[in-house]
N, C-alpha and C. Protein backbone atom coordinates (compact mmCIF):
# COMPACT_ATOMS: atom_id res chain seq x y z
N MET A 1 28.98 20.22 -3.78
CA MET A 1 28.12 19.96 -2.81
C MET A 1 28.60 18.78 -1.79
N ASP A 2 28.20 19.39 -0.16
CA ASP A 2 28.58 19.01 0.51
C ASP A 2 27.03 17.72 1.22
N LEU A 3 27.58 16.42 2.07
CA LEU A 3 26.95 15.66 2.00
C LEU A 3 25.59 15.53 2.47
N VAL A 4 24.94 16.92 3.32
CA VAL A 4 23.98 17.06 4.09
C VAL A 4 22.86 17.47 2.37
N THR A 5 23.63 18.13 1.54
CA THR A 5 22.82 18.60 0.67
C THR A 5 22.26 17.20 -0.28
N ARG A 6 23.52 16.72 -0.30
CA ARG A 6 23.39 15.39 -1.46
C ARG A 6 22.09 14.73 -0.29
N ILE A 7 22.19 14.35 0.49
CA ILE A 7 21.04 13.70 1.03
C ILE A 7 20.25 13.97 1.62
N THR A 8 19.64 15.70 1.55
CA THR A 8 18.56 16.21 1.41
C THR A 8 17.96 16.02 -0.03
N GLN A 9 18.40 15.93 -0.81
CA GLN A 9 18.01 16.00 -2.29
C GLN A 9 17.67 14.50 -2.65
N HIS A 10 18.50 13.70 -1.87
CA HIS A 10 17.65 11.91 -1.96
C HIS A 10 16.21 11.82 -1.44
N PHE A 11 16.18 12.31 -0.15
CA PHE A 11 14.79 12.53 0.61
C PHE A 11 13.84 13.44 -0.45
N THR A 12 14.50 13.96 -1.01
CA THR A 12 13.42 15.48 -1.77
C THR A 12 13.21 14.17 -3.10
N ASP A 13 14.07 13.80 -3.60
CA ASP A 13 13.80 13.17 -5.15
C ASP A 13 12.63 11.97 -4.85
N SER A 14 12.56 11.30 -3.66
CA SER A 14 12.07 10.44 -2.94
C SER A 14 10.75 10.72 -2.58
N ALA A 15 10.68 11.65 -1.86
CA ALA A 15 9.07 12.23 -1.88
C ALA A 15 8.36 12.60 -2.94
N HIS A 16 9.14 13.04 -3.87
CA HIS A 16 8.52 13.79 -4.91
C HIS A 16 7.96 12.26 -6.04
N LEU A 17 8.84 11.07 -6.50
CA LEU A 17 8.49 10.20 -6.88
C LEU A 17 7.24 9.59 -6.28
N LYS A 18 7.36 8.97 -4.90
CA LYS A 18 6.27 8.93 -4.21
C LYS A 18 4.94 9.29 -4.69
N LEU A 19 5.05 10.95 -4.61
CA LEU A 19 3.75 11.22 -5.33
C LEU A 19 3.15 10.65 -6.60
N GLN A 20 4.36 10.93 -7.66
CA GLN A 20 4.21 10.94 -8.82
C GLN A 20 3.54 9.44 -8.97
N ALA A 21 4.01 8.70 -8.35
CA ALA A 21 3.88 7.35 -8.32
C ALA A 21 2.58 6.93 -7.87
N LEU A 22 1.93 7.51 -7.20
CA LEU A 22 0.77 7.29 -6.35
C LEU A 22 -0.06 7.31 -7.46
N GLU A 23 -0.08 8.04 -8.72
CA GLU A 23 -1.11 8.64 -9.27
C GLU A 23 -1.32 7.15 -10.68
N VAL A 24 -0.06 6.80 -10.86
CA VAL A 24 0.45 5.88 -11.81
C VAL A 24 -0.30 4.38 -10.75
N LEU A 25 0.04 4.13 -9.82
CA LEU A 25 0.24 2.66 -8.93
C LEU A 25 -1.08 2.50 -8.25
N ALA A 26 -1.89 3.42 -7.88
CA ALA A 26 -2.38 3.36 -6.53
C ALA A 26 -3.88 2.13 -7.27
N GLU A 27 -4.61 2.62 -8.09
CA GLU A 27 -5.01 1.53 -9.02
C GLU A 27 -4.47 0.21 -9.09
N PRO A 28 -3.40 0.14 -9.90
CA PRO A 28 -3.11 -0.96 -10.09
C PRO A 28 -2.55 -1.93 -8.94
N ILE A 29 -2.41 -1.45 -7.86
CA ILE A 29 -1.85 -1.74 -6.12
C ILE A 29 -3.25 -2.10 -6.01
N ALA A 30 -4.11 -2.05 -6.35
CA ALA A 30 -5.61 -2.26 -5.40
C ALA A 30 -6.29 -3.68 -6.39
N LYS A 31 -5.86 -3.59 -7.40
CA LYS A 31 -5.91 -4.86 -8.27
C LYS A 31 -5.48 -6.20 -7.57
N ALA A 32 -4.21 -5.49 -7.21
CA ALA A 32 -3.05 -6.56 -7.47
C ALA A 32 -3.36 -7.31 -5.83
N SER A 33 -4.09 -6.48 -5.08
CA SER A 33 -4.36 -6.75 -3.91
C SER A 33 -5.27 -7.99 -3.87
N GLU A 34 -6.23 -7.23 -4.77
CA GLU A 34 -7.88 -8.30 -4.53
C GLU A 34 -7.50 -9.40 -5.19
N ARG A 35 -6.34 -9.13 -6.30
CA ARG A 35 -5.94 -10.49 -6.91
C ARG A 35 -5.27 -11.40 -6.12
N MET A 36 -4.31 -11.23 -5.47
CA MET A 36 -3.67 -11.81 -3.76
C MET A 36 -4.50 -12.64 -3.06
N VAL A 37 -5.65 -11.36 -2.74
CA VAL A 37 -6.74 -12.27 -1.79
C VAL A 37 -7.16 -13.63 -2.00
N GLN A 38 -7.69 -13.12 -3.87
CA GLN A 38 -8.80 -14.25 -4.12
C GLN A 38 -7.48 -15.93 -3.93
N CYS A 39 -6.69 -15.25 -4.49
CA CYS A 39 -5.78 -16.24 -4.67
C CYS A 39 -5.54 -17.23 -3.01
N LEU A 40 -5.13 -16.31 -2.05
CA LEU A 40 -5.43 -17.40 -0.80
C LEU A 40 -6.62 -17.68 -0.64
N MET A 41 -7.72 -17.32 -0.60
CA MET A 41 -9.11 -17.52 -0.67
C MET A 41 -9.32 -18.92 -1.27
N SER A 42 -8.67 -19.33 -2.11
CA SER A 42 -8.86 -20.52 -2.89
C SER A 42 -7.74 -21.43 -2.80
N GLU A 43 -7.14 -21.16 -1.54
CA GLU A 43 -6.14 -22.36 -1.28
C GLU A 43 -4.68 -22.24 -1.90
N GLY A 44 -4.83 -21.08 -2.47
CA GLY A 44 -3.34 -20.87 -3.49
C GLY A 44 -2.17 -20.41 -2.75
N LYS A 45 -1.03 -20.27 -3.13
CA LYS A 45 -0.05 -19.54 -2.53
C LYS A 45 0.71 -18.39 -3.87
N ILE A 46 1.52 -17.79 -3.09
CA ILE A 46 2.21 -16.57 -3.44
C ILE A 46 3.32 -16.73 -3.34
N MET A 47 4.34 -16.86 -4.86
CA MET A 47 5.57 -17.07 -4.89
C MET A 47 6.08 -15.97 -5.66
N SER A 48 7.24 -15.90 -4.81
CA SER A 48 8.08 -14.49 -5.27
C SER A 48 9.14 -14.48 -5.68
N CYS A 49 9.76 -13.57 -6.59
CA CYS A 49 11.22 -13.96 -7.07
C CYS A 49 12.08 -12.95 -7.32
N GLY A 50 13.31 -12.49 -7.33
CA GLY A 50 13.82 -11.19 -7.57
C GLY A 50 15.32 -11.63 -7.52
N ASN A 51 16.16 -10.40 -8.02
CA ASN A 51 17.82 -10.41 -7.79
C ASN A 51 18.25 -9.77 -6.68
N GLY A 52 18.98 -9.54 -6.05
CA GLY A 52 19.46 -8.47 -5.08
C GLY A 52 18.45 -7.73 -4.42
N GLY A 53 18.50 -6.59 -4.22
CA GLY A 53 17.37 -5.71 -3.69
C GLY A 53 15.91 -6.53 -3.83
N SER A 54 15.62 -6.76 -5.03
CA SER A 54 13.91 -7.68 -5.44
C SER A 54 14.40 -9.21 -4.69
N ALA A 55 15.68 -9.53 -4.48
CA ALA A 55 15.38 -10.90 -3.79
C ALA A 55 14.83 -10.54 -2.19
N ALA A 56 15.57 -9.61 -1.91
CA ALA A 56 15.48 -9.10 -0.42
C ALA A 56 13.98 -8.65 -0.19
N ASP A 57 13.52 -8.14 -1.41
CA ASP A 57 11.85 -7.77 -1.04
C ASP A 57 10.60 -8.79 -1.51
N ALA A 58 11.39 -10.03 -2.09
CA ALA A 58 10.28 -10.66 -2.28
C ALA A 58 10.44 -11.69 -1.07
N GLN A 59 11.82 -11.61 0.20
CA GLN A 59 11.88 -12.09 0.95
C GLN A 59 11.25 -11.64 1.81
N HIS A 60 10.66 -10.17 1.83
CA HIS A 60 10.48 -9.27 3.23
C HIS A 60 8.76 -9.46 2.66
N PHE A 61 8.29 -9.82 1.44
CA PHE A 61 6.94 -9.98 2.00
C PHE A 61 6.58 -11.35 1.66
N SER A 62 6.93 -12.33 1.45
CA SER A 62 6.99 -13.57 2.16
C SER A 62 7.12 -13.51 3.64
N ALA A 63 8.06 -12.95 4.66
CA ALA A 63 8.05 -13.17 6.25
C ALA A 63 6.49 -12.03 5.86
N GLU A 64 6.32 -11.09 5.73
CA GLU A 64 4.88 -10.44 5.81
C GLU A 64 3.82 -11.26 5.85
N MET A 65 3.79 -12.04 4.81
CA MET A 65 2.61 -13.00 4.65
C MET A 65 2.51 -14.29 5.61
N LEU A 66 3.63 -14.94 5.74
CA LEU A 66 3.79 -15.72 6.08
C LEU A 66 4.08 -15.54 7.81
N ASN A 67 4.08 -14.58 8.28
CA ASN A 67 4.01 -14.17 10.00
C ASN A 67 2.83 -13.17 10.44
N ARG A 68 3.30 -12.13 9.99
CA ARG A 68 2.15 -11.03 9.93
C ARG A 68 2.85 -9.86 9.73
N PHE A 69 1.66 -8.60 9.25
CA PHE A 69 2.23 -7.47 8.86
C PHE A 69 1.84 -6.49 10.00
N GLU A 70 0.85 -6.11 10.17
CA GLU A 70 0.93 -4.68 11.45
C GLU A 70 -0.17 -5.35 12.02
N ARG A 71 -1.09 -6.58 12.00
CA ARG A 71 -1.99 -6.66 12.94
C ARG A 71 -2.09 -8.25 13.23
N GLU A 72 -2.31 -8.87 14.16
CA GLU A 72 -2.26 -10.51 14.19
C GLU A 72 -3.37 -10.84 13.42
N ARG A 73 -3.07 -12.23 12.80
CA ARG A 73 -3.91 -12.83 12.15
C ARG A 73 -3.10 -14.20 11.90
N PRO A 74 -4.02 -15.69 11.18
CA PRO A 74 -2.75 -16.81 10.56
C PRO A 74 -1.97 -16.17 9.57
N GLY A 75 -1.00 -17.03 9.62
CA GLY A 75 -0.13 -17.35 8.73
C GLY A 75 -0.86 -17.42 7.18
N LEU A 76 -0.23 -16.47 6.34
CA LEU A 76 -0.98 -16.80 4.80
C LEU A 76 0.23 -17.30 3.78
N ALA A 77 -0.43 -17.69 3.07
CA ALA A 77 0.58 -18.92 2.03
C ALA A 77 1.61 -17.94 1.17
N ALA A 78 2.95 -18.02 1.53
CA ALA A 78 3.43 -17.31 0.29
C ALA A 78 4.80 -17.99 0.67
N ILE A 79 5.48 -18.11 -0.62
CA ILE A 79 7.32 -18.56 -0.61
C ILE A 79 7.80 -17.82 -1.38
N ALA A 80 9.33 -17.80 -0.74
CA ALA A 80 9.99 -16.64 -1.62
C ALA A 80 11.36 -17.71 -2.29
N LEU A 81 10.92 -17.60 -3.95
CA LEU A 81 11.82 -18.62 -4.37
C LEU A 81 13.76 -18.36 -4.26
N THR A 82 13.57 -17.32 -3.51
CA THR A 82 15.25 -16.89 -3.44
C THR A 82 16.14 -17.57 -2.88
N THR A 83 15.42 -18.13 -1.27
CA THR A 83 15.89 -18.38 -0.16
C THR A 83 17.01 -19.97 0.05
N ASP A 84 16.51 -20.98 -0.99
CA ASP A 84 16.83 -22.10 -0.92
C ASP A 84 18.24 -22.18 -1.38
N SER A 85 19.00 -22.33 -1.01
CA SER A 85 20.79 -21.45 -1.86
C SER A 85 21.18 -22.94 -2.42
N SER A 86 20.96 -24.14 -1.77
CA SER A 86 21.30 -25.51 -2.17
C SER A 86 20.44 -25.72 -3.75
N THR A 87 18.97 -25.13 -3.58
CA THR A 87 17.98 -25.68 -5.07
C THR A 87 18.75 -24.86 -6.17
N MET A 88 18.88 -23.37 -5.63
CA MET A 88 19.53 -22.48 -6.67
C MET A 88 20.53 -22.53 -7.23
N THR A 89 21.72 -23.17 -6.16
CA THR A 89 22.85 -23.19 -6.77
C THR A 89 22.83 -24.64 -7.94
N SER A 90 22.24 -25.29 -7.22
CA SER A 90 22.42 -26.84 -7.87
C SER A 90 21.42 -26.53 -9.46
N ILE A 91 20.46 -25.85 -9.59
CA ILE A 91 20.05 -25.40 -10.89
C ILE A 91 20.64 -24.69 -11.80
N ALA A 92 21.66 -23.74 -10.95
CA ALA A 92 22.79 -22.87 -11.69
C ALA A 92 23.87 -23.52 -12.49
N ASN A 93 24.25 -24.68 -11.56
CA ASN A 93 25.46 -25.51 -11.64
C ASN A 93 24.72 -26.49 -12.83
N ASP A 94 23.93 -27.30 -12.70
CA ASP A 94 23.55 -28.34 -13.09
C ASP A 94 22.76 -27.73 -15.42
N TYR A 95 21.81 -26.61 -14.99
CA TYR A 95 20.88 -26.00 -15.98
C TYR A 95 22.23 -24.49 -16.38
N ALA A 96 21.47 -23.95 -15.91
CA ALA A 96 21.60 -22.11 -16.25
C ALA A 96 21.02 -21.62 -15.04
N PHE A 97 21.99 -20.27 -14.72
CA PHE A 97 21.31 -19.26 -13.78
C PHE A 97 19.81 -18.88 -14.20
N GLU A 98 19.83 -18.64 -15.50
CA GLU A 98 18.48 -18.05 -16.01
C GLU A 98 17.17 -19.41 -15.40
N GLN A 99 17.55 -20.35 -15.01
CA GLN A 99 16.45 -21.01 -14.57
C GLN A 99 15.93 -21.42 -13.48
N ILE A 100 16.78 -20.52 -12.32
CA ILE A 100 16.97 -20.52 -11.11
C ILE A 100 15.28 -20.48 -10.39
N PHE A 101 14.48 -20.06 -10.86
CA PHE A 101 13.05 -19.63 -10.46
C PHE A 101 12.38 -20.38 -11.14
N SER A 102 12.41 -20.42 -12.13
CA SER A 102 11.56 -20.65 -13.42
C SER A 102 11.33 -22.44 -13.21
N LYS A 103 12.51 -23.44 -12.75
CA LYS A 103 12.33 -24.66 -12.42
C LYS A 103 11.69 -25.04 -11.11
N GLN A 104 11.39 -23.80 -10.17
CA GLN A 104 10.55 -23.95 -9.12
C GLN A 104 9.29 -24.13 -9.20
N VAL A 105 8.83 -22.74 -10.34
CA VAL A 105 7.93 -22.71 -10.28
C VAL A 105 6.96 -23.93 -11.33
N ARG A 106 7.65 -24.45 -11.85
CA ARG A 106 6.93 -25.63 -12.84
C ARG A 106 6.88 -26.70 -11.80
N ALA A 107 7.62 -26.70 -10.66
CA ALA A 107 7.74 -27.58 -9.77
C ALA A 107 6.84 -27.56 -8.57
N LEU A 108 6.91 -26.40 -8.26
CA LEU A 108 5.85 -25.95 -7.00
C LEU A 108 4.73 -25.17 -7.44
N GLY A 109 3.99 -24.51 -8.51
CA GLY A 109 3.03 -23.78 -8.48
C GLY A 109 2.37 -24.89 -9.70
N GLN A 110 0.83 -24.27 -8.58
CA GLN A 110 -0.46 -24.42 -9.29
C GLN A 110 -1.48 -23.44 -9.67
N PRO A 111 -2.50 -23.88 -10.45
CA PRO A 111 -3.30 -22.60 -11.14
C PRO A 111 -3.36 -21.82 -10.28
N ASN A 112 -4.16 -21.98 -9.20
CA ASN A 112 -4.83 -21.25 -8.23
C ASN A 112 -3.72 -20.38 -7.56
N ASP A 113 -2.24 -20.67 -7.86
CA ASP A 113 -1.37 -19.78 -7.10
C ASP A 113 -0.66 -18.60 -8.30
N LEU A 114 -0.06 -17.34 -7.45
CA LEU A 114 0.41 -16.61 -7.60
C LEU A 114 1.74 -16.29 -7.97
N LEU A 115 2.53 -15.68 -9.05
CA LEU A 115 3.73 -15.37 -9.06
C LEU A 115 4.26 -13.99 -9.21
N LEU A 116 4.52 -13.27 -7.96
CA LEU A 116 4.82 -11.95 -7.38
C LEU A 116 6.30 -11.80 -8.46
N ALA A 117 6.37 -11.28 -9.13
CA ALA A 117 7.73 -11.33 -10.23
C ALA A 117 8.53 -9.60 -10.25
N ILE A 118 9.42 -9.56 -9.37
CA ILE A 118 9.99 -8.11 -9.00
C ILE A 118 11.74 -8.25 -9.98
N SER A 119 11.37 -7.08 -11.02
CA SER A 119 12.80 -6.47 -11.25
C SER A 119 13.00 -5.29 -11.29
N THR A 120 13.86 -4.49 -11.00
CA THR A 120 14.22 -3.34 -11.26
C THR A 120 13.96 -2.67 -12.06
N SER A 121 14.41 -3.63 -14.10
CA SER A 121 15.29 -3.21 -14.86
C SER A 121 13.83 -3.85 -15.85
N GLY A 122 13.56 -4.59 -15.18
CA GLY A 122 12.57 -5.42 -16.16
C GLY A 122 12.89 -6.32 -16.90
N ASN A 123 14.35 -6.60 -16.97
CA ASN A 123 14.98 -7.33 -18.11
C ASN A 123 15.76 -8.94 -16.95
N SER A 124 15.45 -8.99 -16.15
CA SER A 124 16.45 -10.03 -15.47
C SER A 124 15.83 -11.19 -15.99
N LYS A 125 16.62 -11.74 -16.38
CA LYS A 125 16.45 -13.24 -17.67
C LYS A 125 15.52 -14.13 -16.26
N ASN A 126 16.10 -14.61 -15.10
CA ASN A 126 15.79 -15.80 -14.76
C ASN A 126 14.08 -15.22 -14.13
N VAL A 127 13.68 -13.97 -13.62
CA VAL A 127 12.69 -13.35 -13.51
C VAL A 127 11.54 -13.89 -14.72
N LEU A 128 12.05 -13.45 -15.99
CA LEU A 128 11.61 -13.29 -17.30
C LEU A 128 11.00 -14.86 -17.39
N GLU A 129 11.88 -15.82 -17.11
CA GLU A 129 11.53 -17.36 -17.30
C GLU A 129 11.04 -17.64 -15.99
N ALA A 130 10.65 -16.99 -15.12
CA ALA A 130 9.87 -17.62 -13.97
C ALA A 130 8.68 -17.04 -14.58
N ILE A 131 8.16 -15.84 -15.48
CA ILE A 131 6.82 -15.59 -15.90
C ILE A 131 6.56 -16.82 -16.81
N HIS A 132 7.31 -16.98 -17.74
CA HIS A 132 7.15 -18.12 -18.62
C HIS A 132 6.47 -19.21 -18.03
N ALA A 133 7.38 -19.40 -17.36
CA ALA A 133 7.28 -21.11 -16.30
C ALA A 133 5.78 -20.37 -15.73
N ALA A 134 5.55 -19.73 -15.10
CA ALA A 134 4.06 -19.48 -14.68
C ALA A 134 2.78 -19.27 -15.39
N HIS A 135 2.67 -18.92 -17.00
CA HIS A 135 2.28 -18.91 -17.49
C HIS A 135 1.94 -20.38 -18.30
N GLU A 136 3.12 -21.27 -18.35
CA GLU A 136 3.22 -22.21 -18.62
C GLU A 136 2.04 -23.20 -17.78
N ARG A 137 2.18 -22.86 -16.42
CA ARG A 137 1.36 -23.90 -15.47
C ARG A 137 -0.42 -23.14 -15.05
N GLU A 138 -0.51 -22.03 -16.13
CA GLU A 138 -1.65 -21.21 -16.04
C GLU A 138 -1.75 -20.75 -14.46
N ILE A 139 -0.42 -20.10 -14.03
CA ILE A 139 -0.43 -19.15 -12.98
C ILE A 139 -0.62 -17.74 -13.42
N ALA A 140 -1.08 -16.66 -12.52
CA ALA A 140 -1.15 -15.34 -12.98
C ALA A 140 0.04 -14.67 -12.59
N VAL A 141 0.33 -13.50 -13.16
CA VAL A 141 1.59 -13.32 -12.53
C VAL A 141 1.23 -11.36 -12.22
N ILE A 142 1.71 -11.48 -11.05
CA ILE A 142 1.68 -9.64 -10.71
C ILE A 142 3.52 -9.04 -11.03
N ALA A 143 3.76 -8.59 -11.86
CA ALA A 143 5.35 -7.98 -11.92
C ALA A 143 5.20 -6.53 -11.64
N LEU A 144 6.21 -6.48 -10.58
CA LEU A 144 6.76 -5.45 -9.92
C LEU A 144 8.26 -4.49 -10.59
N THR A 145 8.03 -3.52 -11.38
CA THR A 145 9.58 -3.32 -12.34
C THR A 145 9.52 -1.65 -12.07
N GLY A 146 10.57 -1.33 -12.94
CA GLY A 146 10.96 0.16 -13.33
C GLY A 146 11.31 0.12 -14.72
N ASN A 147 11.76 1.36 -14.93
CA ASN A 147 12.61 1.20 -16.34
C ASN A 147 11.26 1.37 -17.27
N GLY A 148 10.59 1.51 -17.09
CA GLY A 148 9.57 1.13 -18.30
C GLY A 148 9.20 0.06 -18.53
N GLY A 149 9.50 -1.11 -17.60
CA GLY A 149 9.04 -2.69 -17.26
C GLY A 149 9.94 -3.28 -18.56
N GLY A 150 10.41 -2.84 -19.28
CA GLY A 150 11.84 -3.46 -19.44
C GLY A 150 11.00 -4.69 -20.83
N GLN A 151 11.71 -5.98 -20.66
CA GLN A 151 10.98 -7.26 -21.62
C GLN A 151 10.07 -7.75 -20.79
N ILE A 152 9.97 -7.49 -19.25
CA ILE A 152 9.05 -8.35 -18.34
C ILE A 152 7.80 -7.83 -19.07
N ALA A 153 7.48 -6.50 -19.62
CA ALA A 153 6.43 -5.68 -19.92
C ALA A 153 6.10 -6.52 -20.97
N GLU A 154 6.68 -6.45 -21.97
CA GLU A 154 5.84 -7.24 -23.20
C GLU A 154 6.02 -8.90 -22.92
N ALA A 155 6.81 -9.55 -22.02
CA ALA A 155 5.96 -11.03 -21.87
C ALA A 155 4.70 -11.27 -21.08
N LEU A 156 4.09 -10.49 -19.74
CA LEU A 156 3.04 -10.26 -19.22
C LEU A 156 1.64 -10.25 -20.49
N TYR A 157 0.72 -11.60 -19.58
CA TYR A 157 -0.42 -11.43 -20.29
C TYR A 157 -1.43 -10.37 -19.87
N HIS A 158 -2.49 -9.81 -20.64
CA HIS A 158 -3.40 -9.22 -20.83
C HIS A 158 -4.26 -9.84 -19.20
N THR A 159 -3.94 -10.36 -18.52
CA THR A 159 -4.97 -10.75 -17.54
C THR A 159 -3.77 -10.69 -16.11
N ASP A 160 -2.27 -10.30 -16.31
CA ASP A 160 -1.38 -10.05 -15.30
C ASP A 160 -1.45 -8.64 -14.94
N ILE A 161 -1.18 -8.46 -13.89
CA ILE A 161 -1.00 -7.11 -13.32
C ILE A 161 0.67 -6.31 -13.15
N HIS A 162 0.66 -5.29 -14.05
CA HIS A 162 2.13 -4.88 -13.61
C HIS A 162 2.24 -3.55 -13.24
N LEU A 163 3.07 -3.35 -12.30
CA LEU A 163 2.95 -2.50 -11.45
C LEU A 163 4.56 -1.88 -11.76
N CYS A 164 4.35 -0.84 -12.18
CA CYS A 164 5.75 -0.29 -13.11
C CYS A 164 5.89 1.13 -12.84
N VAL A 165 7.18 1.30 -12.02
CA VAL A 165 7.11 2.37 -11.08
C VAL A 165 7.97 3.33 -12.09
N PRO A 166 7.26 4.63 -12.14
CA PRO A 166 8.06 5.48 -13.19
C PRO A 166 9.25 6.31 -12.60
N SER A 167 10.26 5.28 -12.92
CA SER A 167 11.67 6.16 -12.61
C SER A 167 12.57 5.32 -13.67
N MET A 168 13.78 5.74 -13.85
CA MET A 168 14.72 4.77 -14.24
C MET A 168 16.03 5.00 -13.20
N VAL A 169 15.75 5.58 -12.22
CA VAL A 169 16.38 5.35 -11.09
C VAL A 169 16.76 4.31 -10.07
N THR A 170 17.60 3.30 -9.83
CA THR A 170 17.72 2.02 -9.07
C THR A 170 16.75 2.17 -7.97
N ALA A 171 17.46 3.28 -7.47
CA ALA A 171 17.48 3.18 -5.60
C ALA A 171 15.93 3.66 -5.23
N ARG A 172 15.73 4.74 -6.42
CA ARG A 172 14.28 5.56 -6.23
C ARG A 172 13.26 4.30 -6.41
N ILE A 173 13.32 3.63 -7.27
CA ILE A 173 12.71 1.92 -8.15
C ILE A 173 12.28 1.38 -6.53
N GLN A 174 13.74 1.02 -6.20
CA GLN A 174 13.59 -0.02 -4.76
C GLN A 174 12.79 0.63 -3.94
N GLU A 175 12.88 1.88 -3.58
CA GLU A 175 12.02 2.54 -2.46
C GLU A 175 10.54 2.28 -2.84
N ILE A 176 10.35 2.68 -3.78
CA ILE A 176 8.50 2.51 -4.46
C ILE A 176 7.90 1.06 -4.02
N HIS A 177 9.06 0.28 -4.76
CA HIS A 177 8.80 -1.41 -4.44
C HIS A 177 8.32 -1.96 -3.21
N LEU A 178 9.27 -1.09 -1.93
CA LEU A 178 8.94 -1.48 -0.91
C LEU A 178 7.61 -0.99 -0.53
N LEU A 179 7.39 0.31 -0.55
CA LEU A 179 6.22 1.35 -0.26
C LEU A 179 4.97 -0.16 -0.90
N THR A 180 5.05 -0.38 -2.29
CA THR A 180 4.49 -0.86 -2.59
C THR A 180 3.75 -1.85 -1.94
N LEU A 181 4.90 -2.94 -1.70
CA LEU A 181 4.42 -3.91 -0.95
C LEU A 181 3.81 -3.85 0.06
N HIS A 182 4.39 -3.03 1.36
CA HIS A 182 3.83 -2.60 2.17
C HIS A 182 2.11 -2.36 2.25
N CYS A 183 1.82 -1.79 0.89
CA CYS A 183 0.52 -1.47 0.57
C CYS A 183 -0.50 -2.54 0.10
N LEU A 184 0.27 -3.44 -0.47
CA LEU A 184 -0.12 -4.79 -0.55
C LEU A 184 -0.37 -5.39 0.42
N CYS A 185 0.66 -5.71 1.30
CA CYS A 185 0.00 -6.13 2.71
C CYS A 185 -0.93 -5.84 3.36
N ASP A 186 -0.94 -4.14 3.35
CA ASP A 186 -1.76 -3.56 4.44
C ASP A 186 -3.24 -3.86 3.93
N ALA A 187 -3.52 -4.00 2.23
CA ALA A 187 -4.40 -4.40 1.72
C ALA A 187 -5.25 -5.62 2.04
N ILE A 188 -4.68 -6.67 1.76
CA ILE A 188 -4.29 -7.73 1.74
C ILE A 188 -5.04 -8.09 3.65
N ASP A 189 -4.97 -7.45 4.60
CA ASP A 189 -5.27 -7.89 6.18
C ASP A 189 -6.64 -6.97 5.64
N TYR A 190 -6.67 -5.71 5.23
CA TYR A 190 -7.85 -4.73 5.25
C TYR A 190 -9.02 -5.77 4.84
N SER A 191 -8.67 -6.57 3.79
CA SER A 191 -9.94 -7.14 2.73
C SER A 191 -10.03 -8.33 3.46
N LEU A 192 -9.33 -9.05 4.51
CA LEU A 192 -9.30 -10.29 4.74
C LEU A 192 -10.14 -10.32 6.43
N LEU A 193 -9.51 -9.02 6.94
CA LEU A 193 -9.98 -8.36 8.23
C LEU A 193 -10.63 -7.48 8.94
N GLY A 194 -10.76 -6.32 7.88
CA GLY A 194 -11.83 -5.95 7.91
C GLY A 194 -10.85 -4.53 8.48
N ALA A 195 -11.50 -3.49 8.79
CA ALA A 195 -10.94 -1.92 9.32
C ALA A 195 -10.54 -2.45 10.55
N GLU A 196 -9.89 -2.09 11.81
CA GLU A 196 -9.62 -2.00 12.98
C GLU A 196 -10.48 -1.42 13.80
């Protein structure tokens, strides 16, 4: 197989999965955006976390909230728990890597807040611990996963929202996660500002 054929296959697979995921995720994404708007209107903040590409997604979402998405508006309260290297390395060094997000959730989280927990596999231990910490603080969770949801699916409360990409391929899951985050940003802006 030549490179052009391989590249074409990636585009095709991504497009097919996006259409398949649309049927599964459109309604839960709408519900998640409504929950986020409720959080923000109640003076809450959205905390996000993940590892690797999911950490980048957490930071991307936070940036879109704090700065702007596609429309001018005041900044919205969001924080990525993945950005403070001093905090994360001190927690990992003094306690355990599994606690790098949960200790932040316990310290910073308030009941009106939301946790956006991102894990492609659904099995990230530190994200799972963050979910447990959020539940302890009476903070609702929106989980973004793939691979059937893994251990995170089992840890969620019925009041939480699970956005699980119907795929086992990491790259495809991450592509849908990014599209989902953009849908959330757009829905939040639409809910707060109306149509342009």
